[in-house]
Each structure stands twice: as C-alpha cells, then as structure tokens.
Full PDB file with SEQRES, HELIX, SHEET, SSBOND, CRYST1, ORIGX, SCALE, CONECT and MASTER records, all heavy atoms in Angstrom:
SEQRES   1 A   34  THR ALA SER GLY GLU ALA LEU PRO PHE GLU HIS THR LEU          
SEQRES   2 A   34  GLU THR TRP LEU SER ASP LYS ASP TYR PRO LEU TYR ASN          
SEQRES   3 A   34  GLY GLY ASN ILE ILE LEU GLU TYR                              
HELIX    1 AA1 LEU A   13  LEU A   17  1                                   5    
CRYST1    1.000    1.000    1.000  90.00  90.00  90.00 P 1           1          
ORIGX1      1.000000  0.000000  0.000000        0.00000                         
ORIGX2      0.000000  1.000000  0.000000        0.00000                         
ORIGX3      0.000000  0.000000  1.000000        0.00000                         
SCALE1      1.000000  0.000000  0.000000        0.00000                         
SCALE2      0.000000  1.000000  0.000000        0.00000                         
SCALE3      0.000000  0.000000  1.000000        0.00000                         
ATOM      1  N   THR A   1       0.819  -1.218   0.014  1.00  0.00           N  
ATOM      2  CA  THR A   1      -0.012   0.000  -0.024  1.00  0.00           C  
ATOM      3  C   THR A   1       0.890   1.264   0.029  1.00  0.00           C  
ATOM      4  O   THR A   1       0.362   2.307  -0.445  1.00  0.00           O  
ATOM      5  CB  THR A   1      -0.961   0.024   1.210  1.00  0.00           C  
ATOM      6  OG1 THR A   1      -0.144  -0.126   2.409  1.00  0.00           O  
ATOM      7  CG2 THR A   1      -1.961  -1.134   1.156  1.00  0.00           C  
ATOM      8  N   ALA A   2       2.060   1.201   0.453  1.00  0.00           N  
ATOM      9  CA  ALA A   2       2.931   2.358   0.480  1.00  0.00           C  
ATOM     10  C   ALA A   2       3.651   2.666  -0.822  1.00  0.00           C  
ATOM     11  O   ALA A   2       3.549   3.732  -1.390  1.00  0.00           O  
ATOM     12  CB  ALA A   2       3.927   2.277   1.628  1.00  0.00           C  
ATOM     13  N   SER A   3       4.317   1.605  -1.344  1.00  0.00           N  
ATOM     14  CA  SER A   3       5.065   1.747  -2.579  1.00  0.00           C  
ATOM     15  C   SER A   3       4.294   1.333  -3.838  1.00  0.00           C  
ATOM     16  O   SER A   3       4.659   1.736  -4.931  1.00  0.00           O  
ATOM     17  CB  SER A   3       6.335   0.868  -2.495  1.00  0.00           C  
ATOM     18  OG  SER A   3       6.010  -0.440  -2.447  1.00  0.00           O  
ATOM     19  N   GLY A   4       3.291   0.562  -3.649  1.00  0.00           N  
ATOM     20  CA  GLY A   4       2.520   0.054  -4.797  1.00  0.00           C  
ATOM     21  C   GLY A   4       3.153  -1.150  -5.443  1.00  0.00           C  
ATOM     22  O   GLY A   4       2.659  -1.662  -6.409  1.00  0.00           O  
ATOM     23  N   GLU A   5       4.267  -1.590  -4.939  1.00  0.00           N  
ATOM     24  CA  GLU A   5       5.032  -2.696  -5.520  1.00  0.00           C  
ATOM     25  C   GLU A   5       4.311  -3.999  -5.423  1.00  0.00           C  
ATOM     26  O   GLU A   5       3.724  -4.378  -4.400  1.00  0.00           O  
ATOM     27  CB  GLU A   5       6.420  -2.833  -4.835  1.00  0.00           C  
ATOM     28  CG  GLU A   5       7.286  -3.920  -5.406  1.00  0.00           C  
ATOM     29  CD  GLU A   5       8.570  -4.075  -4.668  1.00  0.00           C  
ATOM     30  OE1 GLU A   5       8.839  -3.281  -3.694  1.00  0.00           O  
ATOM     31  OE2 GLU A   5       9.465  -4.770  -5.122  1.00  0.00           O  
ATOM     32  N   ALA A   6       4.320  -4.772  -6.571  1.00  0.00           N  
ATOM     33  CA  ALA A   6       3.776  -6.153  -6.565  1.00  0.00           C  
ATOM     34  C   ALA A   6       4.773  -7.057  -5.891  1.00  0.00           C  
ATOM     35  O   ALA A   6       5.870  -7.223  -6.354  1.00  0.00           O  
ATOM     36  CB  ALA A   6       3.415  -6.566  -8.023  1.00  0.00           C  
ATOM     37  N   LEU A   7       4.335  -7.732  -4.863  1.00  0.00           N  
ATOM     38  CA  LEU A   7       5.229  -8.643  -4.136  1.00  0.00           C  
ATOM     39  C   LEU A   7       5.498  -9.918  -4.908  1.00  0.00           C  
ATOM     40  O   LEU A   7       4.537 -10.506  -5.419  1.00  0.00           O  
ATOM     41  CB  LEU A   7       4.621  -8.990  -2.754  1.00  0.00           C  
ATOM     42  CG  LEU A   7       4.103  -7.773  -1.956  1.00  0.00           C  
ATOM     43  CD1 LEU A   7       3.692  -8.272  -0.556  1.00  0.00           C  
ATOM     44  CD2 LEU A   7       5.198  -6.678  -1.811  1.00  0.00           C  
ATOM     45  N   PRO A   8       6.748 -10.351  -4.999  1.00  0.00           N  
ATOM     46  CA  PRO A   8       7.039 -11.575  -5.764  1.00  0.00           C  
ATOM     47  C   PRO A   8       6.364 -12.795  -5.173  1.00  0.00           C  
ATOM     48  O   PRO A   8       6.285 -12.935  -3.982  1.00  0.00           O  
ATOM     49  CB  PRO A   8       8.577 -11.656  -5.566  1.00  0.00           C  
ATOM     50  CG  PRO A   8       9.048 -10.256  -5.293  1.00  0.00           C  
ATOM     51  CD  PRO A   8       7.888  -9.674  -4.415  1.00  0.00           C  
ATOM     52  N   PHE A   9       5.816 -13.596  -6.022  1.00  0.00           N  
ATOM     53  CA  PHE A   9       5.107 -14.803  -5.628  1.00  0.00           C  
ATOM     54  C   PHE A   9       5.871 -15.765  -4.763  1.00  0.00           C  
ATOM     55  O   PHE A   9       5.329 -16.401  -3.845  1.00  0.00           O  
ATOM     56  CB  PHE A   9       4.620 -15.564  -6.836  1.00  0.00           C  
ATOM     57  CG  PHE A   9       3.437 -14.922  -7.635  1.00  0.00           C  
ATOM     58  CD1 PHE A   9       3.568 -14.639  -8.975  1.00  0.00           C  
ATOM     59  CD2 PHE A   9       2.298 -14.537  -6.983  1.00  0.00           C  
ATOM     60  CE1 PHE A   9       2.564 -14.036  -9.653  1.00  0.00           C  
ATOM     61  CE2 PHE A   9       1.249 -13.884  -7.633  1.00  0.00           C  
ATOM     62  CZ  PHE A   9       1.384 -13.661  -9.040  1.00  0.00           C  
ATOM     63  N   GLU A  10       7.189 -15.854  -5.018  1.00  0.00           N  
ATOM     64  CA  GLU A  10       7.967 -16.833  -4.312  1.00  0.00           C  
ATOM     65  C   GLU A  10       8.405 -16.435  -2.910  1.00  0.00           C  
ATOM     66  O   GLU A  10       8.865 -17.259  -2.132  1.00  0.00           O  
ATOM     67  CB  GLU A  10       9.231 -17.293  -5.088  1.00  0.00           C  
ATOM     68  CG  GLU A  10      10.240 -16.097  -5.355  1.00  0.00           C  
ATOM     69  CD  GLU A  10       9.914 -15.271  -6.545  1.00  0.00           C  
ATOM     70  OE1 GLU A  10       8.761 -15.377  -7.043  1.00  0.00           O  
ATOM     71  OE2 GLU A  10      10.796 -14.529  -6.965  1.00  0.00           O  
ATOM     72  N   HIS A  11       8.272 -15.085  -2.537  1.00  0.00           N  
ATOM     73  CA  HIS A  11       8.653 -14.633  -1.302  1.00  0.00           C  
ATOM     74  C   HIS A  11       7.607 -15.130  -0.236  1.00  0.00           C  
ATOM     75  O   HIS A  11       6.455 -15.355  -0.605  1.00  0.00           O  
ATOM     76  CB  HIS A  11       8.753 -13.091  -1.216  1.00  0.00           C  
ATOM     77  CG  HIS A  11       9.894 -12.576  -1.847  1.00  0.00           C  
ATOM     78  ND1 HIS A  11      10.372 -11.277  -1.732  1.00  0.00           N  
ATOM     79  CD2 HIS A  11      10.866 -13.160  -2.724  1.00  0.00           C  
ATOM     80  CE1 HIS A  11      11.428 -11.044  -2.432  1.00  0.00           C  
ATOM     81  NE2 HIS A  11      11.721 -12.174  -3.030  1.00  0.00           N  
ATOM     82  N   THR A  12       8.023 -15.230   0.984  1.00  0.00           N  
ATOM     83  CA  THR A  12       7.028 -15.602   2.049  1.00  0.00           C  
ATOM     84  C   THR A  12       6.495 -14.337   2.710  1.00  0.00           C  
ATOM     85  O   THR A  12       7.107 -13.275   2.658  1.00  0.00           O  
ATOM     86  CB  THR A  12       7.756 -16.474   3.081  1.00  0.00           C  
ATOM     87  OG1 THR A  12       8.802 -15.816   3.701  1.00  0.00           O  
ATOM     88  CG2 THR A  12       8.191 -17.794   2.500  1.00  0.00           C  
ATOM     89  N   LEU A  13       5.391 -14.498   3.416  1.00  0.00           N  
ATOM     90  CA  LEU A  13       4.743 -13.402   4.050  1.00  0.00           C  
ATOM     91  C   LEU A  13       5.641 -12.860   5.202  1.00  0.00           C  
ATOM     92  O   LEU A  13       5.754 -11.617   5.406  1.00  0.00           O  
ATOM     93  CB  LEU A  13       3.384 -13.797   4.566  1.00  0.00           C  
ATOM     94  CG  LEU A  13       2.430 -12.677   5.050  1.00  0.00           C  
ATOM     95  CD1 LEU A  13       2.154 -11.711   3.881  1.00  0.00           C  
ATOM     96  CD2 LEU A  13       1.114 -13.289   5.473  1.00  0.00           C  
ATOM     97  N   GLU A  14       6.227 -13.726   5.934  1.00  0.00           N  
ATOM     98  CA  GLU A  14       7.058 -13.321   7.094  1.00  0.00           C  
ATOM     99  C   GLU A  14       8.294 -12.550   6.560  1.00  0.00           C  
ATOM    100  O   GLU A  14       8.837 -11.713   7.332  1.00  0.00           O  
ATOM    101  CB  GLU A  14       7.464 -14.534   7.933  1.00  0.00           C  
ATOM    102  CG  GLU A  14       8.316 -15.564   7.198  1.00  0.00           C  
ATOM    103  CD  GLU A  14       8.559 -16.829   8.121  1.00  0.00           C  
ATOM    104  OE1 GLU A  14       8.083 -16.795   9.213  1.00  0.00           O  
ATOM    105  OE2 GLU A  14       9.247 -17.718   7.580  1.00  0.00           O  
ATOM    106  N   THR A  15       8.760 -12.783   5.369  1.00  0.00           N  
ATOM    107  CA  THR A  15       9.838 -12.000   4.782  1.00  0.00           C  
ATOM    108  C   THR A  15       9.567 -10.499   4.753  1.00  0.00           C  
ATOM    109  O   THR A  15      10.326  -9.633   5.038  1.00  0.00           O  
ATOM    110  CB  THR A  15      10.259 -12.467   3.353  1.00  0.00           C  
ATOM    111  OG1 THR A  15      10.690 -13.868   3.505  1.00  0.00           O  
ATOM    112  CG2 THR A  15      11.458 -11.719   2.828  1.00  0.00           C  
ATOM    113  N   TRP A  16       8.289 -10.216   4.282  1.00  0.00           N  
ATOM    114  CA  TRP A  16       7.870  -8.845   4.171  1.00  0.00           C  
ATOM    115  C   TRP A  16       7.444  -8.216   5.437  1.00  0.00           C  
ATOM    116  O   TRP A  16       7.451  -7.031   5.633  1.00  0.00           O  
ATOM    117  CB  TRP A  16       6.697  -8.745   3.170  1.00  0.00           C  
ATOM    118  CG  TRP A  16       7.201  -8.798   1.771  1.00  0.00           C  
ATOM    119  CD1 TRP A  16       7.394  -9.902   1.023  1.00  0.00           C  
ATOM    120  CD2 TRP A  16       7.665  -7.698   0.970  1.00  0.00           C  
ATOM    121  NE1 TRP A  16       7.956  -9.583  -0.223  1.00  0.00           N  
ATOM    122  CE2 TRP A  16       8.134  -8.278  -0.262  1.00  0.00           C  
ATOM    123  CE3 TRP A  16       7.721  -6.346   1.179  1.00  0.00           C  
ATOM    124  CZ2 TRP A  16       8.590  -7.422  -1.271  1.00  0.00           C  
ATOM    125  CZ3 TRP A  16       8.248  -5.541   0.159  1.00  0.00           C  
ATOM    126  CH2 TRP A  16       8.690  -6.114  -1.047  1.00  0.00           C  
ATOM    127  N   LEU A  17       7.109  -9.016   6.443  1.00  0.00           N  
ATOM    128  CA  LEU A  17       6.845  -8.506   7.821  1.00  0.00           C  
ATOM    129  C   LEU A  17       8.106  -7.888   8.434  1.00  0.00           C  
ATOM    130  O   LEU A  17       8.023  -7.047   9.358  1.00  0.00           O  
ATOM    131  CB  LEU A  17       6.220  -9.581   8.656  1.00  0.00           C  
ATOM    132  CG  LEU A  17       4.866 -10.050   8.261  1.00  0.00           C  
ATOM    133  CD1 LEU A  17       4.461 -11.272   9.052  1.00  0.00           C  
ATOM    134  CD2 LEU A  17       3.790  -8.954   8.527  1.00  0.00           C  
ATOM    135  N   SER A  18       9.231  -8.431   8.023  1.00  0.00           N  
ATOM    136  CA  SER A  18      10.534  -7.958   8.595  1.00  0.00           C  
ATOM    137  C   SER A  18      11.313  -7.104   7.613  1.00  0.00           C  
ATOM    138  O   SER A  18      12.521  -6.858   7.900  1.00  0.00           O  
ATOM    139  CB  SER A  18      11.393  -9.214   9.038  1.00  0.00           C  
ATOM    140  OG  SER A  18      11.620 -10.002   7.918  1.00  0.00           O  
ATOM    141  N   ASP A  19      10.692  -6.702   6.503  1.00  0.00           N  
ATOM    142  CA  ASP A  19      11.443  -5.893   5.518  1.00  0.00           C  
ATOM    143  C   ASP A  19      11.795  -4.494   6.139  1.00  0.00           C  
ATOM    144  O   ASP A  19      11.009  -3.848   6.863  1.00  0.00           O  
ATOM    145  CB  ASP A  19      10.543  -5.619   4.304  1.00  0.00           C  
ATOM    146  CG  ASP A  19      11.296  -4.977   3.161  1.00  0.00           C  
ATOM    147  OD1 ASP A  19      11.274  -3.730   3.092  1.00  0.00           O  
ATOM    148  OD2 ASP A  19      11.924  -5.709   2.350  1.00  0.00           O  
ATOM    149  N   LYS A  20      13.045  -4.047   5.904  1.00  0.00           N  
ATOM    150  CA  LYS A  20      13.514  -2.817   6.491  1.00  0.00           C  
ATOM    151  C   LYS A  20      12.926  -1.575   5.878  1.00  0.00           C  
ATOM    152  O   LYS A  20      12.677  -0.580   6.553  1.00  0.00           O  
ATOM    153  CB  LYS A  20      14.994  -2.780   6.508  1.00  0.00           C  
ATOM    154  CG  LYS A  20      15.713  -3.872   7.304  1.00  0.00           C  
ATOM    155  CD  LYS A  20      17.274  -3.711   7.208  1.00  0.00           C  
ATOM    156  CE  LYS A  20      17.916  -4.817   8.091  1.00  0.00           C  
ATOM    157  NZ  LYS A  20      19.395  -4.652   8.018  1.00  0.00           N  
ATOM    158  N   ASP A  21      12.815  -1.552   4.520  1.00  0.00           N  
ATOM    159  CA  ASP A  21      12.338  -0.404   3.796  1.00  0.00           C  
ATOM    160  C   ASP A  21      10.862  -0.229   3.811  1.00  0.00           C  
ATOM    161  O   ASP A  21      10.271   0.880   4.185  1.00  0.00           O  
ATOM    162  CB  ASP A  21      12.909  -0.399   2.366  1.00  0.00           C  
ATOM    163  CG  ASP A  21      14.391  -0.400   2.294  1.00  0.00           C  
ATOM    164  OD1 ASP A  21      14.986   0.219   3.194  1.00  0.00           O  
ATOM    165  OD2 ASP A  21      14.934  -1.053   1.397  1.00  0.00           O  
ATOM    166  N   TYR A  22      10.120  -1.220   3.380  1.00  0.00           N  
ATOM    167  CA  TYR A  22       8.643  -1.171   3.304  1.00  0.00           C  
ATOM    168  C   TYR A  22       8.052  -2.437   3.938  1.00  0.00           C  
ATOM    169  O   TYR A  22       7.533  -3.288   3.244  1.00  0.00           O  
ATOM    170  CB  TYR A  22       8.228  -1.045   1.858  1.00  0.00           C  
ATOM    171  CG  TYR A  22       8.548   0.221   1.206  1.00  0.00           C  
ATOM    172  CD1 TYR A  22       9.679   0.323   0.439  1.00  0.00           C  
ATOM    173  CD2 TYR A  22       7.760   1.382   1.413  1.00  0.00           C  
ATOM    174  CE1 TYR A  22      10.033   1.622  -0.130  1.00  0.00           C  
ATOM    175  CE2 TYR A  22       8.080   2.552   0.785  1.00  0.00           C  
ATOM    176  CZ  TYR A  22       9.224   2.739   0.011  1.00  0.00           C  
ATOM    177  OH  TYR A  22       9.522   3.918  -0.552  1.00  0.00           O  
ATOM    178  N   PRO A  23       8.041  -2.484   5.258  1.00  0.00           N  
ATOM    179  CA  PRO A  23       7.469  -3.694   5.892  1.00  0.00           C  
ATOM    180  C   PRO A  23       5.999  -3.669   5.873  1.00  0.00           C  
ATOM    181  O   PRO A  23       5.293  -2.697   5.804  1.00  0.00           O  
ATOM    182  CB  PRO A  23       7.996  -3.564   7.411  1.00  0.00           C  
ATOM    183  CG  PRO A  23       8.111  -2.110   7.557  1.00  0.00           C  
ATOM    184  CD  PRO A  23       8.584  -1.532   6.252  1.00  0.00           C  
ATOM    185  N   LEU A  24       5.452  -4.898   5.922  1.00  0.00           N  
ATOM    186  CA  LEU A  24       3.990  -5.086   6.097  1.00  0.00           C  
ATOM    187  C   LEU A  24       3.740  -5.230   7.573  1.00  0.00           C  
ATOM    188  O   LEU A  24       4.573  -5.694   8.363  1.00  0.00           O  
ATOM    189  CB  LEU A  24       3.515  -6.397   5.374  1.00  0.00           C  
ATOM    190  CG  LEU A  24       3.638  -6.407   3.890  1.00  0.00           C  
ATOM    191  CD1 LEU A  24       3.140  -7.776   3.372  1.00  0.00           C  
ATOM    192  CD2 LEU A  24       2.839  -5.286   3.184  1.00  0.00           C  
ATOM    193  N   TYR A  25       2.513  -4.770   8.051  1.00  0.00           N  
ATOM    194  CA  TYR A  25       2.166  -4.858   9.457  1.00  0.00           C  
ATOM    195  C   TYR A  25       0.996  -5.680   9.720  1.00  0.00           C  
ATOM    196  O   TYR A  25       0.069  -5.692   8.937  1.00  0.00           O  
ATOM    197  CB  TYR A  25       1.915  -3.369   9.941  1.00  0.00           C  
ATOM    198  CG  TYR A  25       3.105  -2.442   9.845  1.00  0.00           C  
ATOM    199  CD1 TYR A  25       3.108  -1.415   8.927  1.00  0.00           C  
ATOM    200  CD2 TYR A  25       4.156  -2.575  10.735  1.00  0.00           C  
ATOM    201  CE1 TYR A  25       4.163  -0.559   8.789  1.00  0.00           C  
ATOM    202  CE2 TYR A  25       5.311  -1.708  10.619  1.00  0.00           C  
ATOM    203  CZ  TYR A  25       5.262  -0.688   9.619  1.00  0.00           C  
ATOM    204  OH  TYR A  25       6.345   0.128   9.541  1.00  0.00           O  
ATOM    205  N   ASN A  26       1.082  -6.514  10.796  1.00  0.00           N  
ATOM    206  CA  ASN A  26      -0.010  -7.284  11.181  1.00  0.00           C  
ATOM    207  C   ASN A  26      -1.085  -6.374  11.652  1.00  0.00           C  
ATOM    208  O   ASN A  26      -0.981  -5.598  12.641  1.00  0.00           O  
ATOM    209  CB  ASN A  26       0.427  -8.209  12.319  1.00  0.00           C  
ATOM    210  CG  ASN A  26      -0.659  -9.217  12.685  1.00  0.00           C  
ATOM    211  OD1 ASN A  26      -1.651  -9.363  11.997  1.00  0.00           O  
ATOM    212  ND2 ASN A  26      -0.410  -9.898  13.775  1.00  0.00           N  
ATOM    213  N   GLY A  27      -2.235  -6.355  10.897  1.00  0.00           N  
ATOM    214  CA  GLY A  27      -3.354  -5.456  11.161  1.00  0.00           C  
ATOM    215  C   GLY A  27      -3.390  -4.263  10.191  1.00  0.00           C  
ATOM    216  O   GLY A  27      -4.268  -3.430  10.266  1.00  0.00           O  
ATOM    217  N   GLY A  28      -2.469  -4.308   9.264  1.00  0.00           N  
ATOM    218  CA  GLY A  28      -2.362  -3.219   8.243  1.00  0.00           C  
ATOM    219  C   GLY A  28      -3.235  -3.551   7.032  1.00  0.00           C  
ATOM    220  O   GLY A  28      -4.060  -4.392   6.990  1.00  0.00           O  
ATOM    221  N   ASN A  29      -2.902  -2.734   5.962  1.00  0.00           N  
ATOM    222  CA  ASN A  29      -3.606  -2.832   4.681  1.00  0.00           C  
ATOM    223  C   ASN A  29      -2.774  -3.472   3.624  1.00  0.00           C  
ATOM    224  O   ASN A  29      -1.562  -3.414   3.694  1.00  0.00           O  
ATOM    225  CB  ASN A  29      -4.074  -1.443   4.225  1.00  0.00           C  
ATOM    226  CG  ASN A  29      -5.003  -0.789   5.191  1.00  0.00           C  
ATOM    227  OD1 ASN A  29      -5.823  -1.443   5.835  1.00  0.00           O  
ATOM    228  ND2 ASN A  29      -4.898   0.548   5.310  1.00  0.00           N  
ATOM    229  N   ILE A  30      -3.446  -4.040   2.645  1.00  0.00           N  
ATOM    230  CA  ILE A  30      -2.773  -4.686   1.523  1.00  0.00           C  
ATOM    231  C   ILE A  30      -3.725  -4.614   0.267  1.00  0.00           C  
ATOM    232  O   ILE A  30      -4.910  -4.470   0.442  1.00  0.00           O  
ATOM    233  CB  ILE A  30      -2.387  -6.169   1.788  1.00  0.00           C  
ATOM    234  CG1 ILE A  30      -1.280  -6.593   0.891  1.00  0.00           C  
ATOM    235  CG2 ILE A  30      -3.570  -7.115   1.745  1.00  0.00           C  
ATOM    236  CD1 ILE A  30       0.107  -6.076   1.173  1.00  0.00           C  
ATOM    237  N   ILE A  31      -3.185  -4.576  -0.940  1.00  0.00           N  
ATOM    238  CA  ILE A  31      -3.964  -4.399  -2.132  1.00  0.00           C  
ATOM    239  C   ILE A  31      -3.906  -5.647  -2.977  1.00  0.00           C  
ATOM    240  O   ILE A  31      -2.789  -6.169  -3.278  1.00  0.00           O  
ATOM    241  CB  ILE A  31      -3.502  -3.180  -2.919  1.00  0.00           C  
ATOM    242  CG1 ILE A  31      -3.668  -1.925  -2.136  1.00  0.00           C  
ATOM    243  CG2 ILE A  31      -4.192  -3.082  -4.243  1.00  0.00           C  
ATOM    244  CD1 ILE A  31      -3.068  -0.625  -2.774  1.00  0.00           C  
ATOM    245  N   LEU A  32      -5.036  -6.082  -3.521  1.00  0.00           N  
ATOM    246  CA  LEU A  32      -5.142  -7.098  -4.539  1.00  0.00           C  
ATOM    247  C   LEU A  32      -5.573  -6.484  -5.839  1.00  0.00           C  
ATOM    248  O   LEU A  32      -6.611  -5.771  -5.842  1.00  0.00           O  
ATOM    249  CB  LEU A  32      -6.149  -8.198  -4.110  1.00  0.00           C  
ATOM    250  CG  LEU A  32      -5.680  -9.453  -3.428  1.00  0.00           C  
ATOM    251  CD1 LEU A  32      -6.860 -10.389  -3.122  1.00  0.00           C  
ATOM    252  CD2 LEU A  32      -4.658 -10.201  -4.256  1.00  0.00           C  
ATOM    253  N   GLU A  33      -4.800  -6.643  -6.905  1.00  0.00           N  
ATOM    254  CA  GLU A  33      -5.181  -6.020  -8.231  1.00  0.00           C  
ATOM    255  C   GLU A  33      -4.681  -6.864  -9.326  1.00  0.00           C  
ATOM    256  O   GLU A  33      -3.653  -7.578  -9.194  1.00  0.00           O  
ATOM    257  CB  GLU A  33      -4.582  -4.616  -8.294  1.00  0.00           C  
ATOM    258  CG  GLU A  33      -5.024  -3.815  -9.502  1.00  0.00           C  
ATOM    259  CD  GLU A  33      -6.547  -3.715  -9.586  1.00  0.00           C  
ATOM    260  OE1 GLU A  33      -7.195  -4.647 -10.160  1.00  0.00           O  
ATOM    261  OE2 GLU A  33      -7.142  -2.720  -9.081  1.00  0.00           O  
ATOM    262  N   TYR A  34      -5.394  -6.780 -10.491  1.00  0.00           N  
ATOM    263  CA  TYR A  34      -4.935  -7.464 -11.667  1.00  0.00           C  
ATOM    264  C   TYR A  34      -3.944  -6.620 -12.459  1.00  0.00           C  
ATOM    265  O   TYR A  34      -4.238  -5.413 -12.722  1.00  0.00           O  
ATOM    266  CB  TYR A  34      -6.117  -7.724 -12.634  1.00  0.00           C  
ATOM    267  CG  TYR A  34      -7.166  -8.658 -12.000  1.00  0.00           C  
ATOM    268  CD1 TYR A  34      -8.346  -8.183 -11.474  1.00  0.00           C  
ATOM    269  CD2 TYR A  34      -6.940 -10.094 -12.040  1.00  0.00           C  
ATOM    270  CE1 TYR A  34      -9.336  -9.076 -10.934  1.00  0.00           C  
ATOM    271  CE2 TYR A  34      -7.884 -10.915 -11.461  1.00  0.00           C  
ATOM    272  CZ  TYR A  34      -9.055 -10.448 -10.912  1.00  0.00           C  
ATOM    273  OH  TYR A  34      -9.927 -11.258 -10.384  1.00  0.00           O  
TER     274      TYR A  34                                                      
MASTER        0    0    0    1    0    0    0    6  273    1    0    3          
END                                                                             
C-alpha cells in the first residue's frame, strides 16, 4: 500500500513483515489487483 510494488510470488509473508524499507504490518492494509 505504500510503494505500490507487486510482491514476488515466491517470497514468504514473514519476509515482508521484517522488511527494513517497506514492511507489512499485522493489522495493516494490503492491495489485490490485476
């Protein structure tokens, strides 16, 4: 939701929860789009 970047399919969710630049937050927002 911050950068708009499409997350790579092969990455795991916990990898992005600990990302230093644009982390995902438990309880935060996420976007699904074609």
